[in-house]
Amino acid sequence: MSQITEAMTYDNPNAQAEWRLRFVEDMGGLTLVAGLPRAVMRVLGWMIVSEPREQTAGDMQRVLNLSAGSVSAAVRELCDVGMLERIARPGDRRTHYRLSPRGWAAGFESRFRILSELRRVAGRALDGAGPEADDRLQGMHDLFAVMEAAMVELLRTSVAELQALDAPDGTTPIWRNG
């Protein structure tokens, strides 16, 4: 039985204290909504609530009961989109990972990229189709152009609003460049 399964058993007296592990499992349950593999969501969930904040791949394997390959793939994907960053510690040959200070903004920017790509593909098709283009293709292009602009503005204003706030002690604002 994994640490998570054991901690979540109802007859476990420490079940209430294991909110971190419950959070990880809840994040893993968002697989269909997020469009990401379960292991990626669980690793992300763990990195949001883990103590200490910096974790090695081995730490994640033990706590999450995942294979080395699953952790490696999840960490690679999360690093590629900017959610996690690699940390080197002097005298330690292992790579440590932590949630990137700009991780949430980077993650949203990555997800928004599809809007730009869909608009671009539709625009290229409109150019090629000329007078043969109909309302379906034009509607696709127009919708994604509006959505792309709105998402860029939403992220810009959200980050600006967060910058205007004082970050509470012990927190890292998403706008700070790592």
C-alpha atoms as a PDB file:
ATOM      1  CA  MET A   1       0.000   0.000   0.000  1.00  0.00           C
ATOM      2  CA  SER A   2       1.449   3.417  -0.951  1.00  0.00           C
ATOM      3  CA  GLN A   3       1.919   6.195   1.584  1.00  0.00           C
ATOM      4  CA  ILE A   4      -0.936   8.067  -0.052  1.00  0.00           C
ATOM      5  CA  THR A   5      -3.387   5.154  -0.004  1.00  0.00           C
ATOM      6  CA  GLU A   6      -2.452   4.301   3.577  1.00  0.00           C
ATOM      7  CA  ALA A   7      -2.814   7.901   4.722  1.00  0.00           C
ATOM      8  CA  MET A   8      -6.241   8.200   3.124  1.00  0.00           C
ATOM      9  CA  THR A   9      -7.672   5.065   4.726  1.00  0.00           C
ATOM     10  CA  TYR A  10     -10.615   6.038   6.896  1.00  0.00           C
ATOM     11  CA  ASP A  11      -9.435   4.040   9.898  1.00  0.00           C
ATOM     12  CA  ASN A  12      -6.090   5.857   9.855  1.00  0.00           C
ATOM     13  CA  PRO A  13      -6.043   8.303  12.810  1.00  0.00           C
ATOM     14  CA  ASN A  14      -3.668  10.617  10.891  1.00  0.00           C
ATOM     15  CA  ALA A  15      -5.956  10.893   7.842  1.00  0.00           C
ATOM     16  CA  GLN A  16      -6.928  14.494   8.652  1.00  0.00           C
ATOM     17  CA  ALA A  17      -3.264  15.479   8.961  1.00  0.00           C
ATOM     18  CA  GLU A  18      -2.524  14.138   5.488  1.00  0.00           C
ATOM     19  CA  TRP A  19      -4.116  16.985   3.577  1.00  0.00           C
ATOM     20  CA  ARG A  20      -1.078  17.223   1.295  1.00  0.00           C
ATOM     21  CA  LEU A  21      -1.565  13.696   0.044  1.00  0.00           C
ATOM     22  CA  ARG A  22      -5.279  14.254  -0.446  1.00  0.00           C
ATOM     23  CA  PHE A  23      -4.469  17.360  -2.470  1.00  0.00           C
ATOM     24  CA  VAL A  24      -2.096  15.328  -4.658  1.00  0.00           C
ATOM     25  CA  GLU A  25      -4.808  12.772  -5.348  1.00  0.00           C
ATOM     26  CA  ASP A  26      -7.352  15.512  -6.070  1.00  0.00           C
ATOM     27  CA  MET A  27      -4.887  17.034  -8.554  1.00  0.00           C
ATOM     28  CA  GLY A  28      -4.421  13.605 -10.133  1.00  0.00           C
ATOM     29  CA  GLY A  29      -8.171  13.412 -10.568  1.00  0.00           C
ATOM     30  CA  LEU A  30      -8.099  16.490 -12.800  1.00  0.00           C
ATOM     31  CA  THR A  31      -6.422  14.524 -15.583  1.00  0.00           C
ATOM     32  CA  LEU A  32      -9.334  14.732 -18.006  1.00  0.00           C
ATOM     33  CA  VAL A  33      -9.993  18.406 -17.340  1.00  0.00           C
ATOM     34  CA  ALA A  34      -6.327  19.375 -17.591  1.00  0.00           C
ATOM     35  CA  GLY A  35      -5.546  17.161 -20.560  1.00  0.00           C
ATOM     36  CA  LEU A  36      -2.352  15.994 -18.875  1.00  0.00           C
ATOM     37  CA  PRO A  37      -1.270  12.553 -17.689  1.00  0.00           C
ATOM     38  CA  ARG A  38      -2.192  11.621 -14.124  1.00  0.00           C
ATOM     39  CA  ALA A  39       1.472  11.400 -13.087  1.00  0.00           C
ATOM     40  CA  VAL A  40       2.098  14.968 -14.285  1.00  0.00           C
ATOM     41  CA  MET A  41      -0.844  16.274 -12.277  1.00  0.00           C
ATOM     42  CA  ARG A  42       0.204  14.335  -9.170  1.00  0.00           C
ATOM     43  CA  VAL A  43       3.818  15.558  -9.398  1.00  0.00           C
ATOM     44  CA  LEU A  44       2.574  19.129  -9.868  1.00  0.00           C
ATOM     45  CA  GLY A  45       0.248  18.713  -6.896  1.00  0.00           C
ATOM     46  CA  TRP A  46       3.092  17.415  -4.741  1.00  0.00           C
ATOM     47  CA  MET A  47       5.394  20.256  -5.737  1.00  0.00           C
ATOM     48  CA  ILE A  48       2.720  22.776  -4.718  1.00  0.00           C
ATOM     49  CA  VAL A  49       2.436  21.426  -1.163  1.00  0.00           C
ATOM     50  CA  SER A  50       5.669  19.514  -0.477  1.00  0.00           C
ATOM     51  CA  GLU A  51       7.908  20.243   2.480  1.00  0.00           C
ATOM     52  CA  PRO A  52      10.647  20.960   1.872  1.00  0.00           C
ATOM     53  CA  ARG A  53       9.788  22.913  -1.259  1.00  0.00           C
ATOM     54  CA  GLU A  54      12.717  21.423  -3.149  1.00  0.00           C
ATOM     55  CA  GLN A  55      12.393  17.730  -4.006  1.00  0.00           C
ATOM     56  CA  THR A  56      14.493  15.175  -5.873  1.00  0.00           C
ATOM     57  CA  ALA A  57      13.047  12.702  -8.343  1.00  0.00           C
ATOM     58  CA  GLY A  58      13.664  10.003  -5.732  1.00  0.00           C
ATOM     59  CA  ASP A  59      11.683  11.964  -3.139  1.00  0.00           C
ATOM     60  CA  MET A  60       8.753  12.184  -5.546  1.00  0.00           C
ATOM     61  CA  GLN A  61       8.974   8.479  -6.426  1.00  0.00           C
ATOM     62  CA  ARG A  62       8.806   7.470  -2.762  1.00  0.00           C
ATOM     63  CA  VAL A  63       5.988   9.760  -1.698  1.00  0.00           C
ATOM     64  CA  LEU A  64       3.852   9.364  -4.815  1.00  0.00           C
ATOM     65  CA  ASN A  65       4.648   5.681  -5.399  1.00  0.00           C
ATOM     66  CA  LEU A  66       5.509   6.384  -9.041  1.00  0.00           C
ATOM     67  CA  SER A  67       8.119   4.731 -11.239  1.00  0.00           C
ATOM     68  CA  ALA A  68      11.346   6.511 -12.117  1.00  0.00           C
ATOM     69  CA  GLY A  69      10.112   6.802 -15.707  1.00  0.00           C
ATOM     70  CA  SER A  70       6.807   8.385 -14.694  1.00  0.00           C
ATOM     71  CA  VAL A  71       8.518  10.938 -12.466  1.00  0.00           C
ATOM     72  CA  SER A  72      11.138  11.675 -15.111  1.00  0.00           C
ATOM     73  CA  ALA A  73       8.511  12.246 -17.816  1.00  0.00           C
ATOM     74  CA  ALA A  74       6.362  14.386 -15.494  1.00  0.00           C
ATOM     75  CA  VAL A  75       9.272  16.522 -14.326  1.00  0.00           C
ATOM     76  CA  ARG A  76      10.506  16.985 -17.902  1.00  0.00           C
ATOM     77  CA  GLU A  77       7.062  18.127 -19.052  1.00  0.00           C
ATOM     78  CA  LEU A  78       6.626  20.497 -16.095  1.00  0.00           C
ATOM     79  CA  CYS A  79      10.112  21.950 -16.600  1.00  0.00           C
ATOM     80  CA  ASP A  80       9.512  22.357 -20.350  1.00  0.00           C
ATOM     81  CA  VAL A  81       6.436  24.530 -19.771  1.00  0.00           C
ATOM     82  CA  GLY A  82       8.134  26.496 -16.989  1.00  0.00           C
ATOM     83  CA  MET A  83       6.132  25.182 -14.013  1.00  0.00           C
ATOM     84  CA  LEU A  84       9.165  23.578 -12.341  1.00  0.00           C
ATOM     85  CA  GLU A  85      12.796  24.554 -12.297  1.00  0.00           C
ATOM     86  CA  ARG A  86      15.912  22.479 -11.722  1.00  0.00           C
ATOM     87  CA  ILE A  87      18.121  23.355  -8.771  1.00  0.00           C
ATOM     88  CA  ALA A  88      21.719  22.249  -8.255  1.00  0.00           C
ATOM     89  CA  ARG A  89      23.032  22.083  -4.719  1.00  0.00           C
ATOM     90  CA  PRO A  90      26.781  22.260  -4.086  1.00  0.00           C
ATOM     91  CA  GLY A  91      28.125  18.861  -3.082  1.00  0.00           C
ATOM     92  CA  ASP A  92      24.934  17.028  -4.063  1.00  0.00           C
ATOM     93  CA  ARG A  93      24.952  15.178  -7.380  1.00  0.00           C
ATOM     94  CA  ARG A  94      21.168  14.835  -7.434  1.00  0.00           C
ATOM     95  CA  THR A  95      18.981  17.330  -9.220  1.00  0.00           C
ATOM     96  CA  HIS A  96      16.412  19.059  -7.061  1.00  0.00           C
ATOM     97  CA  TYR A  97      13.199  20.581  -8.378  1.00  0.00           C
ATOM     98  CA  ARG A  98      10.915  23.302  -7.127  1.00  0.00           C
ATOM     99  CA  LEU A  99       7.864  25.163  -8.324  1.00  0.00           C
ATOM    100  CA  SER A 100       9.109  28.012 -10.483  1.00  0.00           C
ATOM    101  CA  PRO A 101       8.458  31.507  -9.113  1.00  0.00           C
ATOM    102  CA  ARG A 102       6.823  32.330 -12.458  1.00  0.00           C
ATOM    103  CA  GLY A 103       5.372  28.850 -12.904  1.00  0.00           C
ATOM    104  CA  TRP A 104       1.679  29.650 -12.964  1.00  0.00           C
ATOM    105  CA  ALA A 105       2.069  32.430 -15.505  1.00  0.00           C
ATOM    106  CA  ALA A 106       4.346  30.223 -17.641  1.00  0.00           C
ATOM    107  CA  GLY A 107       1.874  27.354 -17.443  1.00  0.00           C
ATOM    108  CA  PHE A 108      -1.013  29.534 -18.575  1.00  0.00           C
ATOM    109  CA  GLU A 109       1.066  31.049 -21.384  1.00  0.00           C
ATOM    110  CA  SER A 110       1.864  27.544 -22.563  1.00  0.00           C
ATOM    111  CA  ARG A 111      -1.811  26.561 -22.569  1.00  0.00           C
ATOM    112  CA  PHE A 112      -2.793  29.774 -24.392  1.00  0.00           C
ATOM    113  CA  ARG A 113      -0.348  29.030 -27.220  1.00  0.00           C
ATOM    114  CA  ILE A 114      -2.947  26.742 -28.816  1.00  0.00           C
ATOM    115  CA  LEU A 115      -5.210  29.742 -29.404  1.00  0.00           C
ATOM    116  CA  SER A 116      -2.485  31.473 -31.381  1.00  0.00           C
ATOM    117  CA  GLU A 117      -1.706  28.341 -33.368  1.00  0.00           C
ATOM    118  CA  LEU A 118      -5.360  27.703 -34.222  1.00  0.00           C
ATOM    119  CA  ARG A 119      -5.779  31.322 -35.358  1.00  0.00           C
ATOM    120  CA  ARG A 120      -2.592  31.093 -37.430  1.00  0.00           C
ATOM    121  CA  VAL A 121      -3.661  27.831 -39.126  1.00  0.00           C
ATOM    122  CA  ALA A 122      -7.101  29.253 -39.906  1.00  0.00           C
ATOM    123  CA  GLY A 123      -5.542  32.463 -41.245  1.00  0.00           C
ATOM    124  CA  ARG A 124      -3.257  30.515 -43.564  1.00  0.00           C
ATOM    125  CA  ALA A 125      -6.254  28.501 -44.809  1.00  0.00           C
ATOM    126  CA  LEU A 126      -8.247  31.708 -45.364  1.00  0.00           C
ATOM    127  CA  ASP A 127      -5.388  33.134 -47.438  1.00  0.00           C
ATOM    128  CA  GLY A 128      -5.170  29.951 -49.490  1.00  0.00           C
ATOM    129  CA  ALA A 129      -8.914  29.532 -49.952  1.00  0.00           C
ATOM    130  CA  GLY A 130      -9.533  33.061 -51.157  1.00  0.00           C
ATOM    131  CA  PRO A 131     -13.186  33.394 -52.260  1.00  0.00           C
ATOM    132  CA  GLU A 132     -13.837  29.691 -51.488  1.00  0.00           C
ATOM    133  CA  ALA A 133     -13.523  30.350 -47.730  1.00  0.00           C
ATOM    134  CA  ASP A 134     -16.863  30.244 -45.979  1.00  0.00           C
ATOM    135  CA  ASP A 135     -18.267  31.260 -42.613  1.00  0.00           C
ATOM    136  CA  ARG A 136     -16.943  28.128 -40.829  1.00  0.00           C
ATOM    137  CA  LEU A 137     -13.299  28.922 -41.513  1.00  0.00           C
ATOM    138  CA  GLN A 138     -13.769  32.659 -40.993  1.00  0.00           C
ATOM    139  CA  GLY A 139     -15.653  31.986 -37.751  1.00  0.00           C
ATOM    140  CA  MET A 140     -12.836  29.756 -36.493  1.00  0.00           C
ATOM    141  CA  HIS A 141     -10.245  32.415 -37.285  1.00  0.00           C
ATOM    142  CA  ASP A 142     -12.245  35.235 -35.722  1.00  0.00           C
ATOM    143  CA  LEU A 143     -13.107  33.336 -32.552  1.00  0.00           C
ATOM    144  CA  PHE A 144      -9.514  32.305 -31.875  1.00  0.00           C
ATOM    145  CA  ALA A 145      -8.213  35.800 -32.679  1.00  0.00           C
ATOM    146  CA  VAL A 146     -10.588  37.304 -30.096  1.00  0.00           C
ATOM    147  CA  MET A 147      -9.824  34.585 -27.533  1.00  0.00           C
ATOM    148  CA  GLU A 148      -6.078  34.943 -28.039  1.00  0.00           C
ATOM    149  CA  ALA A 149      -6.204  38.707 -27.480  1.00  0.00           C
ATOM    150  CA  ALA A 150      -8.461  38.301 -24.439  1.00  0.00           C
ATOM    151  CA  MET A 151      -6.201  35.696 -22.819  1.00  0.00           C
ATOM    152  CA  VAL A 152      -3.080  37.779 -23.357  1.00  0.00           C
ATOM    153  CA  GLU A 153      -4.840  40.748 -21.774  1.00  0.00           C
ATOM    154  CA  LEU A 154      -6.199  38.619 -18.927  1.00  0.00           C
ATOM    155  CA  LEU A 155      -2.732  37.338 -18.054  1.00  0.00           C
ATOM    156  CA  ARG A 156      -1.215  40.832 -18.350  1.00  0.00           C
ATOM    157  CA  THR A 157      -3.798  42.456 -16.083  1.00  0.00           C
ATOM    158  CA  SER A 158      -3.738  39.565 -13.600  1.00  0.00           C
ATOM    159  CA  VAL A 159       0.019  39.811 -13.217  1.00  0.00           C
ATOM    160  CA  ALA A 160      -0.214  43.606 -12.910  1.00  0.00           C
ATOM    161  CA  GLU A 161      -2.840  43.270 -10.166  1.00  0.00           C
ATOM    162  CA  LEU A 162      -0.691  40.770  -8.297  1.00  0.00           C
ATOM    163  CA  GLN A 163       2.315  43.072  -8.584  1.00  0.00           C
ATOM    164  CA  ALA A 164       0.277  45.800  -6.920  1.00  0.00           C
ATOM    165  CA  LEU A 165      -0.324  43.575  -3.901  1.00  0.00           C
ATOM    166  CA  ASP A 166       2.241  43.004  -1.208  1.00  0.00           C
ATOM    167  CA  ALA A 167       3.163  39.328  -1.250  1.00  0.00           C
ATOM    168  CA  PRO A 168       2.652  37.792   2.210  1.00  0.00           C
ATOM    169  CA  ASP A 169       5.773  36.630   4.027  1.00  0.00           C
ATOM    170  CA  GLY A 170       7.016  33.291   2.811  1.00  0.00           C
ATOM    171  CA  THR A 171       5.284  33.461  -0.564  1.00  0.00           C
ATOM    172  CA  THR A 172       6.762  33.940  -3.989  1.00  0.00           C
ATOM    173  CA  PRO A 173       4.843  36.126  -6.415  1.00  0.00           C
ATOM    174  CA  ILE A 174       4.259  34.572  -9.859  1.00  0.00           C
ATOM    175  CA  TRP A 175       5.619  37.606 -11.690  1.00  0.00           C
ATOM    176  CA  ARG A 176       9.124  37.467 -10.218  1.00  0.00           C
ATOM    177  CA  ASN A 177      11.621  36.262 -12.761  1.00  0.00           C
ATOM    178  CA  GLY A 178      13.490  33.280 -11.349  1.00  0.00           C
END
